[in-house]
Amino acid sequence: MKSKASTFGENIIKNFNKSENFNSEIIVQSNTFSLKISPISKSKNKTHRKKIRILEDSYSYNTSDNLAKIDFDNCKKILINIYNISSEDKIIMKQMEFNSKINIEKLDDSTQSNSTSFEFYNIENSEKLDTSYCKNISIPISISIPKSNRLNMNLYALSTKFLEGTDIYNVNSPSFHSRCFKSFDFNTAADISINARRTKLYQNESMNCSPGCDYKGLDEERKVVCDCTELDKSELSNNRTLEDLFKMPSMNFDISLCYNTVFLNVIIFYKHPF
């Protein structure tokens, strides 16, 4: 089914009028997949959108607004140079997104997002562009999260704004592992201990991205931002891991490891004694 859907998209691309710049957005949807074909150029004029539904009972989550979004600027510049493409208007994107419910390997994982993949073509000759030229180049991709309305976006926004190094949905954030991390309560401005950060800030789940991609946080649309370095290996997705952070020992013997902070305080005390 996946190969047939992908071939369907390639046939649409081959039938474009090569003599004109493509400025439309075509979306084909069913209850199992979505196909989007669109220009990558950021035109000031709104593109014409043509939407086709294959089945009337199209799965509600698979709407165009929920499709993954890609920041292709870094890779685009490389491909334009390698393929000697006259302008970015000649590059179009084919995006495939498949319902997570048809992912056999993740049937028991209710946190698994839809999987998405991207391909790029030169509209002048329908040639598929090799994105492996962009390996190790940063390509941010925002992928929708199942049941995203559960997320505490207000706390997320406050913590990322005022507590640098804190991501309430990232178990690897420095604030959840280091006593040296200085943080404060948003309401009282009082210091927060590492145990308070672990029990009150961390949301007991950590967001993850596909192999080859690094988690970079959430965007304003409640999508997981994955910084990817390879587009041609596999479909991209995200999921979450449930994990309760245990409380750290109340003894502060490991505070001595914060030598930078301790050294700074010693200097201040020496310069300004009682």
C-alpha atoms as a PDB file:
ATOM      1  CA  MET A   1       0.000   0.000   0.000  1.00  0.00           C
ATOM      2  CA  LYS A   2       2.815   2.397   0.888  1.00  0.00           C
ATOM      3  CA  SER A   3       4.619   1.885  -2.425  1.00  0.00           C
ATOM      4  CA  LYS A   4       1.391   2.391  -4.397  1.00  0.00           C
ATOM      5  CA  ALA A   5       0.668   5.653  -2.573  1.00  0.00           C
ATOM      6  CA  SER A   6       4.222   6.897  -3.203  1.00  0.00           C
ATOM      7  CA  THR A   7       4.050   5.951  -6.897  1.00  0.00           C
ATOM      8  CA  PHE A   8       0.740   7.809  -7.165  1.00  0.00           C
ATOM      9  CA  GLY A   9       2.508  10.956  -5.973  1.00  0.00           C
ATOM     10  CA  GLU A  10       5.368  10.509  -8.444  1.00  0.00           C
ATOM     11  CA  ASN A  11       2.878  10.204 -11.316  1.00  0.00           C
ATOM     12  CA  ILE A  12       1.281  13.508 -10.291  1.00  0.00           C
ATOM     13  CA  ILE A  13       4.692  15.192 -10.378  1.00  0.00           C
ATOM     14  CA  LYS A  14       5.525  13.782 -13.833  1.00  0.00           C
ATOM     15  CA  ASN A  15       2.352  15.292 -15.273  1.00  0.00           C
ATOM     16  CA  PHE A  16       3.031  18.847 -14.147  1.00  0.00           C
ATOM     17  CA  ASN A  17       3.362  21.516 -16.810  1.00  0.00           C
ATOM     18  CA  LYS A  18       7.135  21.913 -17.010  1.00  0.00           C
ATOM     19  CA  SER A  19       6.920  25.305 -18.704  1.00  0.00           C
ATOM     20  CA  GLU A  20       5.338  27.022 -15.716  1.00  0.00           C
ATOM     21  CA  ASN A  21       6.363  27.473 -12.112  1.00  0.00           C
ATOM     22  CA  PHE A  22       4.347  25.200  -9.864  1.00  0.00           C
ATOM     23  CA  ASN A  23       2.537  27.292  -7.257  1.00  0.00           C
ATOM     24  CA  SER A  24      -0.175  24.922  -6.088  1.00  0.00           C
ATOM     25  CA  GLU A  25      -0.518  22.685  -3.062  1.00  0.00           C
ATOM     26  CA  ILE A  26      -2.082  19.297  -3.673  1.00  0.00           C
ATOM     27  CA  ILE A  27      -3.257  17.218  -0.712  1.00  0.00           C
ATOM     28  CA  VAL A  28      -4.571  13.688  -1.121  1.00  0.00           C
ATOM     29  CA  GLN A  29      -5.995  12.024   1.985  1.00  0.00           C
ATOM     30  CA  SER A  30      -7.406   8.689   3.060  1.00  0.00           C
ATOM     31  CA  ASN A  31      -7.900   7.006   6.414  1.00  0.00           C
ATOM     32  CA  THR A  32      -4.422   5.465   6.203  1.00  0.00           C
ATOM     33  CA  PHE A  33      -2.187   8.072   4.559  1.00  0.00           C
ATOM     34  CA  SER A  34      -1.812  11.681   3.471  1.00  0.00           C
ATOM     35  CA  LEU A  35       0.086  12.867   0.417  1.00  0.00           C
ATOM     36  CA  LYS A  36       1.147  16.474   0.037  1.00  0.00           C
ATOM     37  CA  ILE A  37       2.827  17.990  -3.012  1.00  0.00           C
ATOM     38  CA  SER A  38       3.882  21.615  -2.710  1.00  0.00           C
ATOM     39  CA  PRO A  39       6.581  24.103  -3.721  1.00  0.00           C
ATOM     40  CA  ILE A  40       9.387  24.723  -1.235  1.00  0.00           C
ATOM     41  CA  SER A  41       9.715  28.411  -2.131  1.00  0.00           C
ATOM     42  CA  LYS A  42       8.251  30.771   0.454  1.00  0.00           C
ATOM     43  CA  SER A  43       6.204  32.920  -1.868  1.00  0.00           C
ATOM     44  CA  LYS A  44       4.422  36.004  -0.545  1.00  0.00           C
ATOM     45  CA  ASN A  45       1.385  34.983  -2.552  1.00  0.00           C
ATOM     46  CA  LYS A  46      -0.697  32.206  -1.056  1.00  0.00           C
ATOM     47  CA  THR A  47      -0.504  29.003  -3.035  1.00  0.00           C
ATOM     48  CA  HIS A  48      -3.630  27.521  -4.516  1.00  0.00           C
ATOM     49  CA  ARG A  49      -4.671  24.486  -2.487  1.00  0.00           C
ATOM     50  CA  LYS A  50      -6.406  21.533  -4.067  1.00  0.00           C
ATOM     51  CA  LYS A  51      -7.570  18.884  -1.624  1.00  0.00           C
ATOM     52  CA  ILE A  52      -8.707  15.391  -2.554  1.00  0.00           C
ATOM     53  CA  ARG A  53     -10.209  12.835  -0.183  1.00  0.00           C
ATOM     54  CA  ILE A  54     -10.098   9.214  -1.275  1.00  0.00           C
ATOM     55  CA  LEU A  55     -12.457   8.042   1.483  1.00  0.00           C
ATOM     56  CA  GLU A  56     -15.299  10.011   3.087  1.00  0.00           C
ATOM     57  CA  ASP A  57     -14.475   8.644   6.546  1.00  0.00           C
ATOM     58  CA  SER A  58     -10.920   9.953   6.364  1.00  0.00           C
ATOM     59  CA  TYR A  59      -9.199   9.593   9.713  1.00  0.00           C
ATOM     60  CA  SER A  60      -9.685  12.901  11.535  1.00  0.00           C
ATOM     61  CA  TYR A  61      -6.091  13.130  12.807  1.00  0.00           C
ATOM     62  CA  ASN A  62      -4.729  12.994   9.277  1.00  0.00           C
ATOM     63  CA  THR A  63      -5.565  16.584   8.329  1.00  0.00           C
ATOM     64  CA  SER A  64      -3.275  18.901   6.421  1.00  0.00           C
ATOM     65  CA  ASP A  65      -2.810  21.199   9.431  1.00  0.00           C
ATOM     66  CA  ASN A  66      -1.408  18.284  11.420  1.00  0.00           C
ATOM     67  CA  LEU A  67       1.082  17.149   8.817  1.00  0.00           C
ATOM     68  CA  ALA A  68       4.744  17.324   9.762  1.00  0.00           C
ATOM     69  CA  LYS A  69       6.581  20.499   8.773  1.00  0.00           C
ATOM     70  CA  ILE A  70      10.154  20.678   7.523  1.00  0.00           C
ATOM     71  CA  ASP A  71      12.687  23.501   7.498  1.00  0.00           C
ATOM     72  CA  PHE A  72      14.462  22.654   4.250  1.00  0.00           C
ATOM     73  CA  ASP A  73      16.481  25.852   3.810  1.00  0.00           C
ATOM     74  CA  ASN A  74      19.917  24.415   4.679  1.00  0.00           C
ATOM     75  CA  CYS A  75      19.588  21.410   2.380  1.00  0.00           C
ATOM     76  CA  LYS A  76      17.885  23.411  -0.371  1.00  0.00           C
ATOM     77  CA  LYS A  77      20.943  25.596  -0.897  1.00  0.00           C
ATOM     78  CA  ILE A  78      23.186  22.555  -1.278  1.00  0.00           C
ATOM     79  CA  LEU A  79      20.914  20.805  -3.807  1.00  0.00           C
ATOM     80  CA  ILE A  80      20.426  23.946  -5.904  1.00  0.00           C
ATOM     81  CA  ASN A  81      24.192  24.179  -6.256  1.00  0.00           C
ATOM     82  CA  ILE A  82      24.840  20.472  -6.943  1.00  0.00           C
ATOM     83  CA  TYR A  83      22.039  20.049  -9.505  1.00  0.00           C
ATOM     84  CA  ASN A  84      22.549  23.519 -11.027  1.00  0.00           C
ATOM     85  CA  ILE A  85      18.885  24.383 -10.515  1.00  0.00           C
ATOM     86  CA  SER A  86      18.010  27.865 -11.741  1.00  0.00           C
ATOM     87  CA  SER A  87      15.914  28.836  -8.694  1.00  0.00           C
ATOM     88  CA  GLU A  88      14.166  27.368  -5.665  1.00  0.00           C
ATOM     89  CA  ASP A  89      10.862  27.757  -7.526  1.00  0.00           C
ATOM     90  CA  LYS A  90      11.877  24.707  -9.548  1.00  0.00           C
ATOM     91  CA  ILE A  91      11.986  22.409  -6.504  1.00  0.00           C
ATOM     92  CA  ILE A  92       8.824  20.716  -5.284  1.00  0.00           C
ATOM     93  CA  MET A  93       8.299  18.492  -2.273  1.00  0.00           C
ATOM     94  CA  LYS A  94       6.435  15.227  -2.026  1.00  0.00           C
ATOM     95  CA  GLN A  95       5.503  14.416   1.557  1.00  0.00           C
ATOM     96  CA  MET A  96       3.994  11.100   2.607  1.00  0.00           C
ATOM     97  CA  GLU A  97       2.476  10.591   6.044  1.00  0.00           C
ATOM     98  CA  PHE A  98       1.096   7.261   7.209  1.00  0.00           C
ATOM     99  CA  ASN A  99      -1.310   6.586  10.052  1.00  0.00           C
ATOM    100  CA  SER A 100       0.491   5.086  13.067  1.00  0.00           C
ATOM    101  CA  LYS A 101      -2.276   2.458  13.295  1.00  0.00           C
ATOM    102  CA  ILE A 102      -0.844   0.670  10.253  1.00  0.00           C
ATOM    103  CA  ASN A 103       2.658   0.495  11.722  1.00  0.00           C
ATOM    104  CA  ILE A 104       2.929  -3.216  12.519  1.00  0.00           C
ATOM    105  CA  GLU A 105       6.053  -2.739  14.629  1.00  0.00           C
ATOM    106  CA  LYS A 106       4.324  -0.179  16.880  1.00  0.00           C
ATOM    107  CA  LEU A 107       0.830  -1.630  17.239  1.00  0.00           C
ATOM    108  CA  ASP A 108       1.044  -1.688  21.044  1.00  0.00           C
ATOM    109  CA  ASP A 109       2.528   1.798  21.328  1.00  0.00           C
ATOM    110  CA  SER A 110      -0.265   4.359  21.731  1.00  0.00           C
ATOM    111  CA  THR A 111       2.300   7.158  21.963  1.00  0.00           C
ATOM    112  CA  GLN A 112       3.710   6.569  18.469  1.00  0.00           C
ATOM    113  CA  SER A 113       3.094   9.435  16.048  1.00  0.00           C
ATOM    114  CA  ASN A 114       2.262   9.143  12.382  1.00  0.00           C
ATOM    115  CA  SER A 115       5.346   8.411  10.280  1.00  0.00           C
ATOM    116  CA  THR A 116       6.408  10.893   7.623  1.00  0.00           C
ATOM    117  CA  SER A 117       8.903  10.999   4.763  1.00  0.00           C
ATOM    118  CA  PHE A 118      10.028  13.684   2.322  1.00  0.00           C
ATOM    119  CA  GLU A 119      11.234  13.591  -1.275  1.00  0.00           C
ATOM    120  CA  PHE A 120      12.235  16.510  -3.485  1.00  0.00           C
ATOM    121  CA  TYR A 121      12.105  16.883  -7.261  1.00  0.00           C
ATOM    122  CA  ASN A 122      13.297  19.243  -9.967  1.00  0.00           C
ATOM    123  CA  ILE A 123      10.060  20.208 -11.703  1.00  0.00           C
ATOM    124  CA  GLU A 124      11.863  20.928 -14.984  1.00  0.00           C
ATOM    125  CA  ASN A 125      12.730  17.271 -15.580  1.00  0.00           C
ATOM    126  CA  SER A 126      10.900  15.392 -12.759  1.00  0.00           C
ATOM    127  CA  GLU A 127      14.294  14.286 -11.430  1.00  0.00           C
ATOM    128  CA  LYS A 128      14.316  13.139  -7.832  1.00  0.00           C
ATOM    129  CA  LEU A 129      16.963  14.977  -5.821  1.00  0.00           C
ATOM    130  CA  ASP A 130      19.377  12.953  -3.710  1.00  0.00           C
ATOM    131  CA  THR A 131      19.087  14.309  -0.148  1.00  0.00           C
ATOM    132  CA  SER A 132      22.080  12.243   0.979  1.00  0.00           C
ATOM    133  CA  TYR A 133      24.127  15.263  -0.123  1.00  0.00           C
ATOM    134  CA  CYS A 134      22.699  16.939   2.971  1.00  0.00           C
ATOM    135  CA  LYS A 135      23.934  14.291   5.388  1.00  0.00           C
ATOM    136  CA  ASN A 136      25.056  15.822   8.692  1.00  0.00           C
ATOM    137  CA  ILE A 137      23.276  19.076   7.784  1.00  0.00           C
ATOM    138  CA  SER A 138      20.731  20.313  10.329  1.00  0.00           C
ATOM    139  CA  ILE A 139      17.167  19.807   9.036  1.00  0.00           C
ATOM    140  CA  PRO A 140      14.525  20.610  11.712  1.00  0.00           C
ATOM    141  CA  ILE A 141      11.243  18.720  11.317  1.00  0.00           C
ATOM    142  CA  SER A 142       8.144  19.328  13.468  1.00  0.00           C
ATOM    143  CA  ILE A 143       6.013  16.199  13.957  1.00  0.00           C
ATOM    144  CA  SER A 144       2.554  16.092  15.544  1.00  0.00           C
ATOM    145  CA  ILE A 145       2.074  14.377  18.901  1.00  0.00           C
ATOM    146  CA  PRO A 146      -0.829  12.007  19.610  1.00  0.00           C
ATOM    147  CA  LYS A 147      -3.227  13.525  22.173  1.00  0.00           C
ATOM    148  CA  SER A 148      -1.185  16.729  22.353  1.00  0.00           C
ATOM    149  CA  ASN A 149      -3.930  18.508  24.346  1.00  0.00           C
ATOM    150  CA  ARG A 150      -2.617  16.737  27.470  1.00  0.00           C
ATOM    151  CA  LEU A 151       0.627  18.738  27.351  1.00  0.00           C
ATOM    152  CA  ASN A 152       1.197  21.521  29.881  1.00  0.00           C
ATOM    153  CA  MET A 153       2.278  24.145  27.366  1.00  0.00           C
ATOM    154  CA  ASN A 154       2.044  27.036  29.854  1.00  0.00           C
ATOM    155  CA  LEU A 155       4.566  25.385  32.186  1.00  0.00           C
ATOM    156  CA  TYR A 156       6.697  24.401  29.205  1.00  0.00           C
ATOM    157  CA  ALA A 157       6.801  27.999  27.927  1.00  0.00           C
ATOM    158  CA  LEU A 158       7.644  29.431  31.355  1.00  0.00           C
ATOM    159  CA  SER A 159      10.380  26.909  32.092  1.00  0.00           C
ATOM    160  CA  THR A 160      12.113  27.268  28.722  1.00  0.00           C
ATOM    161  CA  LYS A 161      11.937  31.060  28.937  1.00  0.00           C
ATOM    162  CA  PHE A 162      13.143  31.585  32.504  1.00  0.00           C
ATOM    163  CA  LEU A 163      15.107  28.415  33.300  1.00  0.00           C
ATOM    164  CA  GLU A 164      17.715  27.892  30.620  1.00  0.00           C
ATOM    165  CA  GLY A 165      18.603  24.216  30.473  1.00  0.00           C
ATOM    166  CA  THR A 166      15.139  23.056  31.541  1.00  0.00           C
ATOM    167  CA  ASP A 167      12.786  21.139  29.270  1.00  0.00           C
ATOM    168  CA  ILE A 168       9.927  19.617  31.243  1.00  0.00           C
ATOM    169  CA  TYR A 169       9.494  16.901  28.588  1.00  0.00           C
ATOM    170  CA  ASN A 170      13.151  15.964  28.331  1.00  0.00           C
ATOM    171  CA  VAL A 171      14.524  13.599  30.965  1.00  0.00           C
ATOM    172  CA  ASN A 172      18.054  14.534  29.894  1.00  0.00           C
ATOM    173  CA  SER A 173      17.707  18.215  30.786  1.00  0.00           C
ATOM    174  CA  PRO A 174      20.615  19.330  33.013  1.00  0.00           C
ATOM    175  CA  SER A 175      18.218  20.716  35.626  1.00  0.00           C
ATOM    176  CA  PHE A 176      16.936  17.228  36.481  1.00  0.00           C
ATOM    177  CA  HIS A 177      20.398  15.769  37.086  1.00  0.00           C
ATOM    178  CA  SER A 178      22.626  18.486  38.490  1.00  0.00           C
ATOM    179  CA  ARG A 179      22.495  20.166  41.898  1.00  0.00           C
ATOM    180  CA  CYS A 180      24.652  22.903  40.389  1.00  0.00           C
ATOM    181  CA  PHE A 181      21.751  24.055  38.229  1.00  0.00           C
ATOM    182  CA  LYS A 182      20.265  27.235  39.696  1.00  0.00           C
ATOM    183  CA  SER A 183      16.509  27.662  39.272  1.00  0.00           C
ATOM    184  CA  PHE A 184      13.642  29.444  40.980  1.00  0.00           C
ATOM    185  CA  ASP A 185       9.912  29.230  41.536  1.00  0.00           C
ATOM    186  CA  PHE A 186       7.950  31.315  39.017  1.00  0.00           C
ATOM    187  CA  ASN A 187       5.556  32.597  41.695  1.00  0.00           C
ATOM    188  CA  THR A 188       7.820  33.214  44.687  1.00  0.00           C
ATOM    189  CA  ALA A 189      11.244  33.586  43.012  1.00  0.00           C
ATOM    190  CA  ALA A 190      12.611  31.221  45.681  1.00  0.00           C
ATOM    191  CA  ASP A 191      15.275  28.656  44.796  1.00  0.00           C
ATOM    192  CA  ILE A 192      14.047  25.224  43.707  1.00  0.00           C
ATOM    193  CA  SER A 193      15.923  22.123  44.834  1.00  0.00           C
ATOM    194  CA  ILE A 194      16.764  19.327  42.431  1.00  0.00           C
ATOM    195  CA  ASN A 195      14.071  17.138  44.007  1.00  0.00           C
ATOM    196  CA  ALA A 196      11.464  19.860  43.527  1.00  0.00           C
ATOM    197  CA  ARG A 197      12.480  20.168  39.892  1.00  0.00           C
ATOM    198  CA  ARG A 198      12.165  16.415  39.472  1.00  0.00           C
ATOM    199  CA  THR A 199       8.752  16.129  41.129  1.00  0.00           C
ATOM    200  CA  LYS A 200       7.091  19.423  40.177  1.00  0.00           C
ATOM    201  CA  LEU A 201       8.588  20.407  36.837  1.00  0.00           C
ATOM    202  CA  TYR A 202       9.317  17.142  35.068  1.00  0.00           C
ATOM    203  CA  GLN A 203       6.100  15.689  33.599  1.00  0.00           C
ATOM    204  CA  ASN A 204       7.126  12.009  33.944  1.00  0.00           C
ATOM    205  CA  GLU A 205       7.394  11.531  30.224  1.00  0.00           C
ATOM    206  CA  SER A 206      10.184  12.205  27.773  1.00  0.00           C
ATOM    207  CA  MET A 207       9.729  12.945  24.067  1.00  0.00           C
ATOM    208  CA  ASN A 208      11.842  10.997  21.575  1.00  0.00           C
ATOM    209  CA  CYS A 209      12.670  11.254  17.868  1.00  0.00           C
ATOM    210  CA  SER A 210      13.577   8.667  15.242  1.00  0.00           C
ATOM    211  CA  PRO A 211      17.196   7.445  14.940  1.00  0.00           C
ATOM    212  CA  GLY A 212      19.290  10.065  13.184  1.00  0.00           C
ATOM    213  CA  CYS A 213      17.277  12.875  14.739  1.00  0.00           C
ATOM    214  CA  ASP A 214      17.720  14.754  18.018  1.00  0.00           C
ATOM    215  CA  TYR A 215      14.874  16.072  20.138  1.00  0.00           C
ATOM    216  CA  LYS A 216      14.953  19.888  20.266  1.00  0.00           C
ATOM    217  CA  GLY A 217      11.767  20.724  22.151  1.00  0.00           C
ATOM    218  CA  LEU A 218       8.168  21.598  21.291  1.00  0.00           C
ATOM    219  CA  ASP A 219       6.914  24.329  18.996  1.00  0.00           C
ATOM    220  CA  GLU A 220       3.903  26.625  19.421  1.00  0.00           C
ATOM    221  CA  GLU A 221       1.682  24.082  17.618  1.00  0.00           C
ATOM    222  CA  ARG A 222       2.474  21.350  20.197  1.00  0.00           C
ATOM    223  CA  LYS A 223       4.624  19.488  17.680  1.00  0.00           C
ATOM    224  CA  VAL A 224       7.878  17.745  18.591  1.00  0.00           C
ATOM    225  CA  VAL A 225      10.842  19.398  16.878  1.00  0.00           C
ATOM    226  CA  CYS A 226      13.351  16.808  15.663  1.00  0.00           C
ATOM    227  CA  ASP A 227      16.684  17.982  14.293  1.00  0.00           C
ATOM    228  CA  CYS A 228      17.496  15.410  11.603  1.00  0.00           C
ATOM    229  CA  THR A 229      20.650  14.865   9.585  1.00  0.00           C
ATOM    230  CA  GLU A 230      19.381  12.176   7.188  1.00  0.00           C
ATOM    231  CA  LEU A 231      16.160  12.211   5.156  1.00  0.00           C
ATOM    232  CA  ASP A 232      16.665   9.243   2.850  1.00  0.00           C
ATOM    233  CA  LYS A 233      17.058   6.387   5.343  1.00  0.00           C
ATOM    234  CA  SER A 234      13.604   5.770   6.790  1.00  0.00           C
ATOM    235  CA  GLU A 235      10.304   7.316   7.772  1.00  0.00           C
ATOM    236  CA  LEU A 236      10.481   9.803  10.610  1.00  0.00           C
ATOM    237  CA  SER A 237       8.320   9.785  13.720  1.00  0.00           C
ATOM    238  CA  ASN A 238       8.309  10.442  17.447  1.00  0.00           C
ATOM    239  CA  ASN A 239       7.003   8.807  20.598  1.00  0.00           C
ATOM    240  CA  ARG A 240       7.246   9.283  24.329  1.00  0.00           C
ATOM    241  CA  THR A 241       8.758   7.342  27.201  1.00  0.00           C
ATOM    242  CA  LEU A 242       7.046   7.272  30.591  1.00  0.00           C
ATOM    243  CA  GLU A 243       9.587   7.601  33.368  1.00  0.00           C
ATOM    244  CA  ASP A 244       9.280   8.585  37.013  1.00  0.00           C
ATOM    245  CA  LEU A 245      12.372  10.382  38.238  1.00  0.00           C
ATOM    246  CA  PHE A 246      13.438   9.111  41.647  1.00  0.00           C
ATOM    247  CA  LYS A 247      14.233  11.613  44.389  1.00  0.00           C
ATOM    248  CA  MET A 248      17.871  12.441  44.955  1.00  0.00           C
ATOM    249  CA  PRO A 249      19.379  11.792  48.434  1.00  0.00           C
ATOM    250  CA  SER A 250      18.781  14.670  50.829  1.00  0.00           C
ATOM    251  CA  MET A 251      22.487  14.776  51.713  1.00  0.00           C
ATOM    252  CA  ASN A 252      24.295  17.388  49.647  1.00  0.00           C
ATOM    253  CA  PHE A 253      27.701  15.666  49.646  1.00  0.00           C
ATOM    254  CA  ASP A 254      27.874  15.899  45.843  1.00  0.00           C
ATOM    255  CA  ILE A 255      27.523  19.685  45.927  1.00  0.00           C
ATOM    256  CA  SER A 256      31.329  19.761  45.997  1.00  0.00           C
ATOM    257  CA  LEU A 257      31.232  18.723  42.352  1.00  0.00           C
ATOM    258  CA  CYS A 258      29.947  22.193  41.529  1.00  0.00           C
ATOM    259  CA  TYR A 259      33.490  23.488  41.672  1.00  0.00           C
ATOM    260  CA  ASN A 260      32.856  26.412  39.321  1.00  0.00           C
ATOM    261  CA  THR A 261      30.093  27.784  41.509  1.00  0.00           C
ATOM    262  CA  VAL A 262      31.986  27.068  44.725  1.00  0.00           C
ATOM    263  CA  PHE A 263      35.161  28.710  43.383  1.00  0.00           C
ATOM    264  CA  LEU A 264      33.221  31.802  42.344  1.00  0.00           C
ATOM    265  CA  ASN A 265      31.609  32.121  45.780  1.00  0.00           C
ATOM    266  CA  VAL A 266      35.000  31.786  47.499  1.00  0.00           C
ATOM    267  CA  ILE A 267      36.393  34.653  45.430  1.00  0.00           C
ATOM    268  CA  ILE A 268      33.380  36.831  46.238  1.00  0.00           C
ATOM    269  CA  PHE A 269      33.724  36.051  49.967  1.00  0.00           C
ATOM    270  CA  TYR A 270      37.448  36.819  49.906  1.00  0.00           C
ATOM    271  CA  LYS A 271      36.912  40.201  48.244  1.00  0.00           C
ATOM    272  CA  HIS A 272      33.957  41.130  50.419  1.00  0.00           C
ATOM    273  CA  PRO A 273      34.426  39.696  53.970  1.00  0.00           C
ATOM    274  CA  PHE A 274      31.918  40.377  56.725  1.00  0.00           C
END
